[in-house]
Amino acid sequence: MGKFTALADYCREQKLREFELPFSKIAAMIGTRLPASAQRPQYWANVVDGTGPVRAAMKNTAYETFLVAGSKRVRFQREF
């Protein structure tokens, strides 16, 4: 079980086309603080095609992730 499995499981339960979560809620789900690098768009981008812990966990969900510019929030947008 990876670090972001709980976040991916949460996303699998969602039916919304799009929603946002603050870093604090994501940290509570995964049981640890997000690294400073989470404040860069690249940390969340390319979920389907990329590598890394977030991307690996999210690749089997219907959502792509995007950092909301100027905030500590992530937007989850349904891909299919």
N, C-alpha and C. Protein backbone atom coordinates (compact mmCIF):
# COMPACT_ATOMS: atom_id res chain seq x y z
N MET A 1 0.84 -1.18 0.00
CA MET A 1 0.00 0.00 0.00
C MET A 1 0.88 1.24 0.00
N GLY A 2 0.67 2.11 -0.98
CA GLY A 2 1.48 3.30 -1.11
C GLY A 2 0.97 4.46 -0.27
N LYS A 3 1.79 5.47 -0.20
CA LYS A 3 1.50 6.65 0.61
C LYS A 3 0.16 7.31 0.23
N PHE A 4 -0.17 7.34 -1.04
CA PHE A 4 -1.36 8.03 -1.51
C PHE A 4 -2.54 7.10 -1.81
N THR A 5 -2.50 5.88 -1.33
CA THR A 5 -3.58 4.93 -1.57
C THR A 5 -4.90 5.44 -1.00
N ALA A 6 -4.88 6.02 0.20
CA ALA A 6 -6.11 6.51 0.82
C ALA A 6 -6.72 7.64 -0.01
N LEU A 7 -5.90 8.50 -0.58
CA LEU A 7 -6.39 9.57 -1.44
C LEU A 7 -7.02 8.99 -2.70
N ALA A 8 -6.38 8.02 -3.30
CA ALA A 8 -6.92 7.37 -4.50
C ALA A 8 -8.24 6.67 -4.18
N ASP A 9 -8.32 6.01 -3.04
CA ASP A 9 -9.56 5.35 -2.63
C ASP A 9 -10.68 6.37 -2.46
N TYR A 10 -10.36 7.51 -1.85
CA TYR A 10 -11.34 8.59 -1.68
C TYR A 10 -11.84 9.05 -3.05
N CYS A 11 -10.94 9.23 -3.99
CA CYS A 11 -11.32 9.68 -5.33
C CYS A 11 -12.20 8.66 -6.04
N ARG A 12 -11.94 7.40 -5.85
CA ARG A 12 -12.76 6.36 -6.48
C ARG A 12 -14.21 6.39 -5.99
N GLU A 13 -14.42 6.90 -4.79
CA GLU A 13 -15.77 7.00 -4.23
C GLU A 13 -16.54 8.22 -4.73
N GLN A 14 -15.83 9.18 -5.32
CA GLN A 14 -16.46 10.43 -5.74
C GLN A 14 -17.19 10.28 -7.07
N LYS A 15 -18.26 11.03 -7.20
CA LYS A 15 -19.04 11.03 -8.44
C LYS A 15 -19.02 12.40 -9.13
N LEU A 16 -18.44 13.39 -8.47
CA LEU A 16 -18.40 14.74 -9.02
C LEU A 16 -17.49 14.82 -10.24
N ARG A 17 -17.81 15.72 -11.13
CA ARG A 17 -16.96 15.94 -12.29
C ARG A 17 -15.65 16.62 -11.88
N GLU A 18 -15.74 17.46 -10.85
CA GLU A 18 -14.57 18.20 -10.40
C GLU A 18 -14.76 18.58 -8.94
N PHE A 19 -13.67 18.55 -8.16
CA PHE A 19 -13.70 19.01 -6.77
C PHE A 19 -12.29 19.41 -6.37
N GLU A 20 -12.18 20.14 -5.26
CA GLU A 20 -10.88 20.56 -4.74
C GLU A 20 -10.73 20.09 -3.31
N LEU A 21 -9.48 19.82 -2.94
CA LEU A 21 -9.15 19.47 -1.56
C LEU A 21 -7.96 20.31 -1.11
N PRO A 22 -8.00 20.83 0.12
CA PRO A 22 -6.83 21.54 0.64
C PRO A 22 -5.73 20.55 1.03
N PHE A 23 -4.51 21.04 1.03
CA PHE A 23 -3.39 20.20 1.43
C PHE A 23 -3.65 19.56 2.80
N SER A 24 -4.26 20.32 3.71
CA SER A 24 -4.48 19.80 5.07
C SER A 24 -5.37 18.55 5.06
N LYS A 25 -6.38 18.52 4.21
CA LYS A 25 -7.26 17.34 4.13
C LYS A 25 -6.52 16.17 3.49
N ILE A 26 -5.72 16.46 2.47
CA ILE A 26 -4.94 15.40 1.83
C ILE A 26 -3.95 14.81 2.84
N ALA A 27 -3.29 15.70 3.59
CA ALA A 27 -2.32 15.24 4.61
C ALA A 27 -3.02 14.37 5.66
N ALA A 28 -4.22 14.75 6.05
CA ALA A 28 -4.96 13.94 7.03
C ALA A 28 -5.29 12.56 6.45
N MET A 29 -5.62 12.51 5.18
CA MET A 29 -5.95 11.23 4.54
C MET A 29 -4.74 10.30 4.47
N ILE A 30 -3.58 10.87 4.13
CA ILE A 30 -2.40 10.04 3.93
C ILE A 30 -1.60 9.83 5.21
N GLY A 31 -1.94 10.59 6.26
CA GLY A 31 -1.30 10.40 7.56
C GLY A 31 0.05 11.06 7.71
N THR A 32 0.37 12.01 6.85
CA THR A 32 1.63 12.74 6.96
C THR A 32 1.53 14.04 6.17
N ARG A 33 2.40 14.98 6.50
CA ARG A 33 2.42 16.25 5.77
C ARG A 33 2.91 16.04 4.35
N LEU A 34 2.43 16.88 3.47
CA LEU A 34 2.94 16.85 2.10
C LEU A 34 4.31 17.52 2.06
N PRO A 35 5.19 17.07 1.19
CA PRO A 35 6.51 17.70 1.09
C PRO A 35 6.40 19.09 0.47
N ALA A 36 7.43 19.90 0.64
CA ALA A 36 7.45 21.25 0.06
C ALA A 36 7.26 21.20 -1.45
N SER A 37 7.72 20.14 -2.09
CA SER A 37 7.60 20.01 -3.54
C SER A 37 6.14 19.90 -3.99
N ALA A 38 5.22 19.62 -3.08
CA ALA A 38 3.80 19.54 -3.43
C ALA A 38 3.24 20.91 -3.82
N GLN A 39 3.98 21.97 -3.53
CA GLN A 39 3.54 23.31 -3.90
C GLN A 39 3.94 23.67 -5.33
N ARG A 40 4.53 22.72 -6.04
CA ARG A 40 4.87 22.91 -7.45
C ARG A 40 3.90 22.13 -8.32
N PRO A 41 3.45 22.71 -9.42
CA PRO A 41 2.48 22.02 -10.29
C PRO A 41 2.96 20.65 -10.76
N GLN A 42 4.26 20.49 -10.95
CA GLN A 42 4.79 19.23 -11.46
C GLN A 42 4.53 18.06 -10.53
N TYR A 43 4.39 18.33 -9.24
CA TYR A 43 4.14 17.27 -8.27
C TYR A 43 2.82 16.57 -8.56
N TRP A 44 1.84 17.34 -9.06
CA TRP A 44 0.50 16.82 -9.29
C TRP A 44 0.20 16.55 -10.75
N ALA A 45 0.98 17.07 -11.66
CA ALA A 45 0.69 16.99 -13.09
C ALA A 45 1.01 15.61 -13.67
N ASN A 46 0.47 15.36 -14.84
CA ASN A 46 0.77 14.13 -15.59
C ASN A 46 0.50 12.87 -14.80
N VAL A 47 -0.61 12.84 -14.10
CA VAL A 47 -0.93 11.70 -13.25
C VAL A 47 -0.97 10.39 -14.04
N VAL A 48 -1.59 10.41 -15.18
CA VAL A 48 -1.78 9.17 -15.94
C VAL A 48 -0.47 8.69 -16.56
N ASP A 49 0.29 9.59 -17.14
CA ASP A 49 1.48 9.20 -17.90
C ASP A 49 2.78 9.24 -17.10
N GLY A 50 2.78 9.88 -15.94
CA GLY A 50 4.02 10.07 -15.20
C GLY A 50 4.33 8.98 -14.20
N THR A 51 5.33 9.27 -13.41
CA THR A 51 5.74 8.36 -12.34
C THR A 51 5.76 9.14 -11.04
N GLY A 52 5.96 8.47 -9.95
CA GLY A 52 5.98 9.12 -8.64
C GLY A 52 4.82 8.63 -7.79
N PRO A 53 4.86 8.91 -6.48
CA PRO A 53 3.86 8.34 -5.58
C PRO A 53 2.43 8.79 -5.85
N VAL A 54 2.20 10.06 -6.15
CA VAL A 54 0.85 10.54 -6.43
C VAL A 54 0.37 9.93 -7.74
N ARG A 55 1.20 9.99 -8.73
CA ARG A 55 0.84 9.49 -10.05
C ARG A 55 0.57 8.00 -10.03
N ALA A 56 1.37 7.26 -9.30
CA ALA A 56 1.18 5.81 -9.23
C ALA A 56 -0.16 5.48 -8.56
N ALA A 57 -0.50 6.20 -7.51
CA ALA A 57 -1.76 5.93 -6.81
C ALA A 57 -2.97 6.35 -7.62
N MET A 58 -2.86 7.46 -8.33
CA MET A 58 -4.02 8.03 -9.02
C MET A 58 -4.26 7.47 -10.42
N LYS A 59 -3.33 6.70 -10.94
CA LYS A 59 -3.47 6.26 -12.33
C LYS A 59 -4.69 5.38 -12.56
N ASN A 60 -5.19 4.72 -11.55
CA ASN A 60 -6.36 3.86 -11.70
C ASN A 60 -7.63 4.50 -11.17
N THR A 61 -7.65 5.83 -11.15
CA THR A 61 -8.86 6.56 -10.78
C THR A 61 -9.35 7.33 -12.01
N ALA A 62 -10.52 7.90 -11.90
CA ALA A 62 -11.08 8.66 -13.02
C ALA A 62 -10.63 10.12 -13.01
N TYR A 63 -9.74 10.48 -12.08
CA TYR A 63 -9.37 11.88 -11.90
C TYR A 63 -7.93 12.19 -12.27
N GLU A 64 -7.78 13.39 -12.83
CA GLU A 64 -6.47 13.99 -13.02
C GLU A 64 -6.33 15.05 -11.94
N THR A 65 -5.11 15.31 -11.51
CA THR A 65 -4.89 16.28 -10.44
C THR A 65 -4.13 17.48 -10.94
N PHE A 66 -4.49 18.64 -10.39
CA PHE A 66 -3.87 19.91 -10.76
C PHE A 66 -3.71 20.77 -9.52
N LEU A 67 -2.55 21.36 -9.34
CA LEU A 67 -2.36 22.32 -8.26
C LEU A 67 -3.12 23.58 -8.61
N VAL A 68 -3.87 24.11 -7.67
CA VAL A 68 -4.57 25.38 -7.86
C VAL A 68 -3.55 26.49 -7.60
N ALA A 69 -3.27 27.28 -8.62
CA ALA A 69 -2.22 28.30 -8.54
C ALA A 69 -2.44 29.24 -7.36
N GLY A 70 -1.36 29.49 -6.63
CA GLY A 70 -1.39 30.44 -5.53
C GLY A 70 -2.10 29.93 -4.28
N SER A 71 -2.31 28.65 -4.19
CA SER A 71 -2.99 28.12 -3.01
C SER A 71 -2.38 26.78 -2.63
N LYS A 72 -2.77 26.29 -1.51
CA LYS A 72 -2.37 24.94 -1.09
C LYS A 72 -3.59 24.05 -1.25
N ARG A 73 -4.06 23.97 -2.50
CA ARG A 73 -5.24 23.19 -2.84
C ARG A 73 -4.97 22.42 -4.13
N VAL A 74 -5.63 21.28 -4.25
CA VAL A 74 -5.50 20.46 -5.45
C VAL A 74 -6.89 20.30 -6.05
N ARG A 75 -6.97 20.48 -7.36
CA ARG A 75 -8.23 20.26 -8.08
C ARG A 75 -8.19 18.88 -8.69
N PHE A 76 -9.27 18.15 -8.54
CA PHE A 76 -9.42 16.82 -9.08
C PHE A 76 -10.48 16.92 -10.17
N GLN A 77 -10.10 16.59 -11.38
CA GLN A 77 -11.00 16.72 -12.51
C GLN A 77 -11.20 15.35 -13.15
N ARG A 78 -12.47 14.96 -13.28
CA ARG A 78 -12.80 13.66 -13.85
C ARG A 78 -12.38 13.62 -15.31
N GLU A 79 -11.64 12.60 -15.65
CA GLU A 79 -11.13 12.44 -17.00
C GLU A 79 -12.12 11.67 -17.87
N PHE A 80 -12.77 10.68 -17.31
CA PHE A 80 -13.70 9.85 -18.09
C PHE A 80 -14.87 9.45 -17.24
